[in-house]
Amino acid sequence: MPLSESRSAPAGSIEQALEDCRRELASARALNQRFQAERSELAAVLEGSRDAIWSWDPDGTIVRWNKAAEHLFATAPRR
């Protein structure tokens, strides 16, 4: 019987392990999609803000800023 037709594989079987892996993979993909959507939304909010927003790394180096910060500092970040 093909795995796709199997409704409940015996515990500890290869089929059960594959079924568990498929569920975990589907869950990970769904989480990744949500993460990407939230990241895109946050990026749009930051870029659309009229407030100057920037972030820096633990060493104090500015690593990102939005267009408003670019306007405020009259320069673009070096890449």
N, C-alpha and C. Protein backbone atom coordinates (compact mmCIF):
# COMPACT_ATOMS: atom_id res chain seq x y z
N MET A 1 0.84 -1.17 0.00
CA MET A 1 0.00 0.00 0.00
C MET A 1 0.89 1.24 0.00
N PRO A 2 0.67 2.20 -0.92
CA PRO A 2 1.47 3.42 -0.95
C PRO A 2 1.32 4.22 0.34
N LEU A 3 2.37 4.96 0.68
CA LEU A 3 2.36 5.74 1.91
C LEU A 3 1.22 6.74 1.93
N SER A 4 0.90 7.33 0.79
CA SER A 4 -0.16 8.34 0.75
C SER A 4 -1.52 7.76 1.12
N GLU A 5 -1.69 6.46 0.96
CA GLU A 5 -2.95 5.83 1.33
C GLU A 5 -2.97 5.37 2.78
N SER A 6 -1.81 5.35 3.40
CA SER A 6 -1.71 4.90 4.78
C SER A 6 -2.26 5.96 5.72
N ARG A 7 -3.21 5.59 6.56
CA ARG A 7 -3.82 6.54 7.49
C ARG A 7 -3.09 6.54 8.82
N SER A 8 -2.70 5.40 9.31
CA SER A 8 -1.99 5.35 10.58
C SER A 8 -0.95 4.24 10.50
N ALA A 9 0.27 4.66 10.35
CA ALA A 9 1.37 3.69 10.28
C ALA A 9 1.72 3.25 11.70
N PRO A 10 2.18 2.02 11.84
CA PRO A 10 2.56 1.54 13.17
C PRO A 10 3.65 2.43 13.78
N ALA A 11 3.55 2.65 15.08
CA ALA A 11 4.54 3.46 15.77
C ALA A 11 5.92 2.85 15.59
N GLY A 12 6.91 3.70 15.33
CA GLY A 12 8.27 3.22 15.17
C GLY A 12 8.59 2.74 13.78
N SER A 13 7.64 2.75 12.88
CA SER A 13 7.90 2.26 11.52
C SER A 13 8.54 3.36 10.67
N ILE A 14 9.12 2.96 9.58
CA ILE A 14 9.71 3.91 8.64
C ILE A 14 8.62 4.83 8.10
N GLU A 15 7.46 4.25 7.81
CA GLU A 15 6.36 5.05 7.29
C GLU A 15 5.95 6.12 8.29
N GLN A 16 5.92 5.77 9.56
CA GLN A 16 5.56 6.74 10.60
C GLN A 16 6.62 7.83 10.68
N ALA A 17 7.88 7.45 10.59
CA ALA A 17 8.96 8.43 10.64
C ALA A 17 8.87 9.39 9.46
N LEU A 18 8.58 8.86 8.26
CA LEU A 18 8.43 9.70 7.08
C LEU A 18 7.23 10.64 7.24
N GLU A 19 6.15 10.11 7.76
CA GLU A 19 4.95 10.92 7.99
C GLU A 19 5.26 12.05 8.98
N ASP A 20 5.99 11.75 10.04
CA ASP A 20 6.38 12.76 11.02
C ASP A 20 7.27 13.83 10.38
N CYS A 21 8.21 13.39 9.55
CA CYS A 21 9.09 14.33 8.86
C CYS A 21 8.31 15.25 7.93
N ARG A 22 7.34 14.70 7.23
CA ARG A 22 6.52 15.51 6.32
C ARG A 22 5.73 16.56 7.10
N ARG A 23 5.19 16.16 8.25
CA ARG A 23 4.46 17.11 9.09
C ARG A 23 5.37 18.22 9.59
N GLU A 24 6.56 17.83 10.06
CA GLU A 24 7.52 18.81 10.56
C GLU A 24 7.95 19.77 9.45
N LEU A 25 8.18 19.23 8.26
CA LEU A 25 8.58 20.06 7.12
C LEU A 25 7.47 21.04 6.75
N ALA A 26 6.24 20.56 6.73
CA ALA A 26 5.11 21.44 6.42
C ALA A 26 4.99 22.55 7.45
N SER A 27 5.19 22.20 8.71
CA SER A 27 5.13 23.19 9.79
C SER A 27 6.25 24.21 9.64
N ALA A 28 7.45 23.75 9.34
CA ALA A 28 8.59 24.65 9.16
C ALA A 28 8.36 25.59 7.98
N ARG A 29 7.80 25.07 6.91
CA ARG A 29 7.51 25.91 5.74
C ARG A 29 6.48 26.98 6.07
N ALA A 30 5.45 26.60 6.81
CA ALA A 30 4.43 27.56 7.21
C ALA A 30 5.01 28.65 8.10
N LEU A 31 5.86 28.26 9.05
CA LEU A 31 6.53 29.25 9.91
C LEU A 31 7.42 30.18 9.09
N ASN A 32 8.14 29.64 8.13
CA ASN A 32 9.01 30.45 7.28
C ASN A 32 8.19 31.44 6.46
N GLN A 33 7.06 31.01 5.95
CA GLN A 33 6.20 31.92 5.19
C GLN A 33 5.70 33.06 6.07
N ARG A 34 5.30 32.73 7.30
CA ARG A 34 4.85 33.78 8.23
C ARG A 34 5.98 34.73 8.56
N PHE A 35 7.17 34.19 8.79
CA PHE A 35 8.33 35.03 9.08
C PHE A 35 8.62 35.98 7.92
N GLN A 36 8.62 35.46 6.70
CA GLN A 36 8.91 36.28 5.53
C GLN A 36 7.85 37.37 5.36
N ALA A 37 6.58 37.03 5.59
CA ALA A 37 5.51 38.03 5.47
C ALA A 37 5.67 39.13 6.51
N GLU A 38 5.98 38.74 7.74
CA GLU A 38 6.17 39.74 8.81
C GLU A 38 7.41 40.58 8.55
N ARG A 39 8.45 39.98 8.03
CA ARG A 39 9.67 40.73 7.71
C ARG A 39 9.40 41.75 6.62
N SER A 40 8.65 41.36 5.60
CA SER A 40 8.31 42.28 4.52
C SER A 40 7.45 43.43 5.03
N GLU A 41 6.51 43.09 5.90
CA GLU A 41 5.64 44.13 6.47
C GLU A 41 6.46 45.12 7.30
N LEU A 42 7.36 44.62 8.12
CA LEU A 42 8.20 45.50 8.93
C LEU A 42 9.08 46.38 8.05
N ALA A 43 9.65 45.82 7.01
CA ALA A 43 10.50 46.59 6.10
C ALA A 43 9.68 47.71 5.45
N ALA A 44 8.45 47.42 5.07
CA ALA A 44 7.60 48.44 4.46
C ALA A 44 7.28 49.56 5.45
N VAL A 45 7.01 49.19 6.69
CA VAL A 45 6.73 50.20 7.72
C VAL A 45 7.96 51.08 7.94
N LEU A 46 9.13 50.47 8.07
CA LEU A 46 10.35 51.24 8.31
C LEU A 46 10.67 52.17 7.14
N GLU A 47 10.56 51.66 5.95
CA GLU A 47 10.87 52.48 4.78
C GLU A 47 9.83 53.57 4.55
N GLY A 48 8.61 53.32 4.94
CA GLY A 48 7.55 54.30 4.75
C GLY A 48 7.47 55.34 5.85
N SER A 49 8.23 55.16 6.90
CA SER A 49 8.18 56.08 8.04
C SER A 49 8.85 57.40 7.70
N ARG A 50 8.26 58.49 8.21
CA ARG A 50 8.90 59.79 8.06
C ARG A 50 9.93 60.03 9.17
N ASP A 51 9.93 59.16 10.16
CA ASP A 51 10.92 59.26 11.24
C ASP A 51 12.22 58.60 10.80
N ALA A 52 13.32 59.18 11.23
CA ALA A 52 14.62 58.59 10.94
C ALA A 52 14.81 57.38 11.85
N ILE A 53 15.08 56.24 11.23
CA ILE A 53 15.27 54.99 11.97
C ILE A 53 16.56 54.35 11.50
N TRP A 54 17.40 53.97 12.44
CA TRP A 54 18.62 53.27 12.09
C TRP A 54 18.92 52.20 13.12
N SER A 55 19.75 51.26 12.73
CA SER A 55 20.16 50.21 13.66
C SER A 55 21.66 50.05 13.57
N TRP A 56 22.24 49.56 14.65
CA TRP A 56 23.68 49.37 14.67
C TRP A 56 24.02 48.02 15.26
N ASP A 57 25.23 47.60 14.98
CA ASP A 57 25.68 46.31 15.49
C ASP A 57 26.26 46.48 16.89
N PRO A 58 26.65 45.39 17.55
CA PRO A 58 27.18 45.49 18.92
C PRO A 58 28.43 46.38 19.05
N ASP A 59 29.14 46.59 17.95
CA ASP A 59 30.33 47.44 17.99
C ASP A 59 30.00 48.92 17.85
N GLY A 60 28.72 49.24 17.62
CA GLY A 60 28.31 50.63 17.47
C GLY A 60 28.34 51.14 16.05
N THR A 61 28.57 50.25 15.10
CA THR A 61 28.58 50.64 13.68
C THR A 61 27.15 50.61 13.15
N ILE A 62 26.74 51.71 12.53
CA ILE A 62 25.40 51.75 11.93
C ILE A 62 25.38 50.79 10.75
N VAL A 63 24.41 49.88 10.76
CA VAL A 63 24.35 48.86 9.71
C VAL A 63 23.18 49.06 8.75
N ARG A 64 22.13 49.75 9.19
CA ARG A 64 20.96 49.99 8.33
C ARG A 64 20.32 51.30 8.73
N TRP A 65 19.72 51.96 7.73
CA TRP A 65 18.86 53.08 8.04
C TRP A 65 17.88 53.30 6.92
N ASN A 66 16.81 54.00 7.24
CA ASN A 66 15.76 54.21 6.25
C ASN A 66 16.00 55.53 5.51
N LYS A 67 15.11 55.84 4.57
CA LYS A 67 15.24 57.04 3.73
C LYS A 67 15.19 58.31 4.57
N ALA A 68 14.37 58.33 5.61
CA ALA A 68 14.28 59.52 6.46
C ALA A 68 15.61 59.78 7.16
N ALA A 69 16.29 58.75 7.62
CA ALA A 69 17.61 58.91 8.24
C ALA A 69 18.62 59.37 7.20
N GLU A 70 18.50 58.84 5.99
CA GLU A 70 19.37 59.25 4.90
C GLU A 70 19.22 60.75 4.66
N HIS A 71 17.98 61.22 4.66
CA HIS A 71 17.70 62.65 4.46
C HIS A 71 18.24 63.47 5.64
N LEU A 72 18.03 62.99 6.85
CA LEU A 72 18.48 63.70 8.05
C LEU A 72 20.00 63.86 8.06
N PHE A 73 20.71 62.79 7.73
CA PHE A 73 22.16 62.83 7.75
C PHE A 73 22.76 63.30 6.43
N ALA A 74 21.92 63.51 5.43
CA ALA A 74 22.33 63.99 4.12
C ALA A 74 23.39 63.09 3.48
N THR A 75 23.27 61.80 3.72
CA THR A 75 24.20 60.84 3.10
C THR A 75 23.58 59.46 3.09
N ALA A 76 24.04 58.65 2.20
CA ALA A 76 23.58 57.26 2.13
C ALA A 76 24.58 56.38 2.88
N PRO A 77 24.13 55.25 3.42
CA PRO A 77 25.07 54.36 4.12
C PRO A 77 26.08 53.79 3.13
N ARG A 78 27.31 53.61 3.60
CA ARG A 78 28.34 52.98 2.77
C ARG A 78 28.12 51.49 2.78
N ARG A 79 28.28 50.87 1.65
CA ARG A 79 28.07 49.42 1.52
C ARG A 79 29.35 48.73 1.23
